């Protein structure tokens, strides 16, 4: 899991450099701050919270609810 997060961090740095047009040697945290990108770990936490809220809002009589219940037990 750490490998994938590290790769996502590298990709986010490249994207921030591309957005700002900064040089490759620029500080990545500074460039991320200028672009307004949030850290990957916080973004993943936000996405997992949203998926939990979506899952908890599904009515129990839906067909997908039985599949999800089986998966999360």
N, C-alpha and C. Protein backbone atom coordinates (compact mmCIF):
# COMPACT_ATOMS: atom_id res chain seq x y z
N UNK A 1 0.82 -1.19 0.00
CA UNK A 1 0.00 0.00 0.00
C UNK A 1 0.87 1.26 0.00
N UNK A 2 1.97 1.24 0.74
CA UNK A 2 2.85 2.41 0.80
C UNK A 2 3.45 2.71 -0.56
N UNK A 3 3.74 1.67 -1.33
CA UNK A 3 4.30 1.87 -2.66
C UNK A 3 3.33 2.66 -3.54
N UNK A 4 2.06 2.28 -3.50
CA UNK A 4 1.07 2.94 -4.35
C UNK A 4 0.86 4.40 -3.92
N UNK A 5 0.85 4.65 -2.63
CA UNK A 5 0.71 6.03 -2.14
C UNK A 5 1.93 6.86 -2.54
N UNK A 6 3.11 6.24 -2.48
CA UNK A 6 4.33 6.94 -2.90
C UNK A 6 4.25 7.28 -4.39
N UNK A 7 3.79 6.35 -5.19
CA UNK A 7 3.66 6.60 -6.63
C UNK A 7 2.63 7.70 -6.90
N UNK A 8 1.54 7.71 -6.16
CA UNK A 8 0.54 8.76 -6.32
C UNK A 8 1.11 10.13 -5.92
N UNK A 9 1.94 10.15 -4.88
CA UNK A 9 2.59 11.40 -4.47
C UNK A 9 3.50 11.92 -5.57
N UNK A 10 4.27 11.03 -6.19
CA UNK A 10 5.15 11.43 -7.28
C UNK A 10 4.34 11.98 -8.46
N UNK A 11 3.25 11.32 -8.76
CA UNK A 11 2.40 11.78 -9.85
C UNK A 11 1.79 13.14 -9.54
N UNK A 12 1.38 13.33 -8.29
CA UNK A 12 0.81 14.61 -7.90
C UNK A 12 1.85 15.73 -8.01
N UNK A 13 3.08 15.44 -7.68
CA UNK A 13 4.15 16.43 -7.84
C UNK A 13 4.35 16.81 -9.30
N UNK A 14 4.34 15.81 -10.17
CA UNK A 14 4.49 16.08 -11.60
C UNK A 14 3.33 16.91 -12.13
N UNK A 15 2.12 16.60 -11.66
CA UNK A 15 0.94 17.36 -12.09
C UNK A 15 1.04 18.80 -11.60
N UNK A 16 1.47 18.99 -10.36
CA UNK A 16 1.59 20.35 -9.82
C UNK A 16 2.62 21.15 -10.62
N UNK A 17 3.72 20.51 -11.00
CA UNK A 17 4.72 21.19 -11.82
C UNK A 17 4.15 21.54 -13.19
N UNK A 18 3.35 20.65 -13.75
CA UNK A 18 2.76 20.87 -15.06
C UNK A 18 1.75 22.02 -15.00
N UNK A 19 0.94 22.06 -13.91
CA UNK A 19 -0.07 23.11 -13.78
C UNK A 19 0.59 24.48 -13.67
N UNK A 20 1.62 24.58 -12.85
CA UNK A 20 2.24 25.88 -12.60
C UNK A 20 3.28 26.26 -13.65
N UNK A 21 3.82 25.29 -14.35
CA UNK A 21 4.88 25.56 -15.30
C UNK A 21 6.22 25.77 -14.61
N UNK A 22 6.33 25.30 -13.36
CA UNK A 22 7.57 25.47 -12.59
C UNK A 22 8.62 24.48 -13.09
N UNK A 23 9.84 24.73 -12.69
CA UNK A 23 10.95 23.85 -13.06
C UNK A 23 10.92 22.57 -12.23
N UNK A 24 11.57 21.56 -12.74
CA UNK A 24 11.62 20.25 -12.09
C UNK A 24 12.30 20.31 -10.73
N UNK A 25 13.21 21.26 -10.55
CA UNK A 25 13.96 21.35 -9.30
C UNK A 25 13.24 22.17 -8.22
N UNK A 26 12.04 22.65 -8.52
CA UNK A 26 11.27 23.42 -7.54
C UNK A 26 10.84 22.52 -6.39
N UNK A 27 10.64 23.12 -5.22
CA UNK A 27 10.18 22.35 -4.06
C UNK A 27 8.76 21.88 -4.30
N UNK A 28 8.54 20.58 -4.17
CA UNK A 28 7.24 20.02 -4.51
C UNK A 28 6.14 20.48 -3.56
N UNK A 29 6.44 20.62 -2.27
CA UNK A 29 5.41 21.05 -1.33
C UNK A 29 4.98 22.49 -1.60
N UNK A 30 5.92 23.33 -1.98
CA UNK A 30 5.59 24.70 -2.31
C UNK A 30 4.73 24.80 -3.56
N UNK A 31 5.07 24.00 -4.55
CA UNK A 31 4.31 24.01 -5.80
C UNK A 31 2.91 23.45 -5.56
N UNK A 32 2.80 22.42 -4.72
CA UNK A 32 1.48 21.88 -4.38
C UNK A 32 0.64 22.92 -3.65
N UNK A 33 1.29 23.70 -2.79
CA UNK A 33 0.59 24.75 -2.06
C UNK A 33 0.07 25.83 -2.99
N UNK A 34 0.86 26.18 -3.98
CA UNK A 34 0.44 27.21 -4.94
C UNK A 34 -0.75 26.72 -5.75
N UNK A 35 -0.73 25.47 -6.15
CA UNK A 35 -1.82 24.93 -6.97
C UNK A 35 -3.06 24.62 -6.16
N UNK A 36 -2.92 24.47 -4.85
CA UNK A 36 -4.08 24.17 -4.00
C UNK A 36 -4.42 22.70 -3.93
N UNK A 37 -3.48 21.85 -4.31
CA UNK A 37 -3.71 20.41 -4.23
C UNK A 37 -3.56 19.94 -2.79
N UNK A 38 -4.50 19.09 -2.35
CA UNK A 38 -4.40 18.55 -1.00
C UNK A 38 -3.54 17.30 -1.04
N UNK A 39 -2.90 16.94 0.06
CA UNK A 39 -2.07 15.72 0.07
C UNK A 39 -2.90 14.47 -0.26
N UNK A 40 -2.24 13.52 -0.87
CA UNK A 40 -2.89 12.29 -1.31
C UNK A 40 -3.54 11.56 -0.13
N UNK A 41 -2.87 11.50 1.00
CA UNK A 41 -3.43 10.76 2.14
C UNK A 41 -4.75 11.38 2.60
N UNK A 42 -4.83 12.71 2.60
CA UNK A 42 -6.08 13.36 2.99
C UNK A 42 -7.16 13.16 1.93
N UNK A 43 -6.77 13.16 0.69
CA UNK A 43 -7.75 12.93 -0.38
C UNK A 43 -8.31 11.51 -0.31
N UNK A 44 -7.45 10.54 -0.05
CA UNK A 44 -7.92 9.16 0.08
C UNK A 44 -8.84 9.00 1.29
N UNK A 45 -8.51 9.68 2.37
CA UNK A 45 -9.37 9.65 3.56
C UNK A 45 -10.73 10.25 3.26
N UNK A 46 -10.75 11.34 2.49
CA UNK A 46 -12.00 11.98 2.11
C UNK A 46 -12.84 11.05 1.24
N UNK A 47 -12.20 10.37 0.28
CA UNK A 47 -12.92 9.45 -0.60
C UNK A 47 -13.48 8.26 0.17
N UNK A 48 -12.71 7.73 1.12
CA UNK A 48 -13.22 6.59 1.89
C UNK A 48 -14.39 7.01 2.77
N UNK A 49 -14.35 8.21 3.33
CA UNK A 49 -15.47 8.70 4.12
C UNK A 49 -16.72 8.88 3.29
N UNK A 50 -16.55 9.39 2.07
CA UNK A 50 -17.70 9.54 1.18
C UNK A 50 -18.30 8.20 0.79
N UNK A 51 -17.44 7.22 0.50
CA UNK A 51 -17.98 5.91 0.13
C UNK A 51 -18.70 5.26 1.30
N UNK A 52 -18.21 5.47 2.51
CA UNK A 52 -18.91 4.94 3.69
C UNK A 52 -20.28 5.59 3.83
N UNK A 53 -20.36 6.90 3.62
CA UNK A 53 -21.65 7.59 3.70
C UNK A 53 -22.60 7.11 2.62
N UNK A 54 -22.08 6.90 1.41
CA UNK A 54 -22.92 6.40 0.33
C UNK A 54 -23.43 5.01 0.64
N UNK A 55 -22.57 4.17 1.18
CA UNK A 55 -22.95 2.79 1.51
C UNK A 55 -24.00 2.78 2.62
N UNK A 56 -23.84 3.64 3.61
CA UNK A 56 -24.79 3.65 4.71
C UNK A 56 -26.14 4.24 4.31
N UNK A 57 -26.21 4.97 3.21
CA UNK A 57 -27.47 5.58 2.77
C UNK A 57 -28.29 4.68 1.86
N UNK A 58 -27.75 3.53 1.47
CA UNK A 58 -28.48 2.63 0.58
C UNK A 58 -29.57 1.91 1.37
N UNK A 59 -30.77 1.88 0.82
CA UNK A 59 -31.86 1.18 1.48
C UNK A 59 -31.61 -0.33 1.46
N UNK A 60 -32.09 -1.01 2.48
CA UNK A 60 -31.81 -2.45 2.61
C UNK A 60 -32.56 -3.28 1.59
N UNK A 61 -33.61 -2.75 0.97
CA UNK A 61 -34.36 -3.55 -0.01
C UNK A 61 -33.79 -3.46 -1.42
N UNK A 62 -32.74 -2.68 -1.62
CA UNK A 62 -32.09 -2.62 -2.92
C UNK A 62 -31.26 -3.88 -3.14
N UNK A 63 -31.17 -4.30 -4.40
CA UNK A 63 -30.43 -5.51 -4.73
C UNK A 63 -28.94 -5.34 -4.45
N UNK A 64 -28.42 -4.16 -4.71
CA UNK A 64 -26.99 -3.92 -4.49
C UNK A 64 -26.64 -3.97 -3.01
N UNK A 65 -27.61 -3.67 -2.15
CA UNK A 65 -27.35 -3.66 -0.70
C UNK A 65 -26.99 -5.06 -0.20
N UNK A 66 -27.63 -6.08 -0.74
CA UNK A 66 -27.31 -7.45 -0.32
C UNK A 66 -25.88 -7.83 -0.76
N UNK A 67 -25.47 -7.38 -1.94
CA UNK A 67 -24.11 -7.66 -2.40
C UNK A 67 -23.08 -6.93 -1.54
N UNK A 68 -23.36 -5.68 -1.23
CA UNK A 68 -22.43 -4.90 -0.42
C UNK A 68 -22.36 -5.42 1.00
N UNK A 69 -23.48 -5.85 1.55
CA UNK A 69 -23.49 -6.38 2.91
C UNK A 69 -22.63 -7.64 2.99
N UNK A 70 -22.73 -8.48 1.99
CA UNK A 70 -21.93 -9.71 1.96
C UNK A 70 -20.44 -9.37 1.85
N UNK A 71 -20.12 -8.34 1.09
CA UNK A 71 -18.73 -7.96 0.87
C UNK A 71 -18.11 -7.35 2.13
N UNK A 72 -18.86 -6.60 2.91
CA UNK A 72 -18.31 -5.89 4.05
C UNK A 72 -18.38 -6.66 5.36
N UNK A 73 -18.90 -7.87 5.35
CA UNK A 73 -18.96 -8.65 6.59
C UNK A 73 -17.72 -9.43 6.83
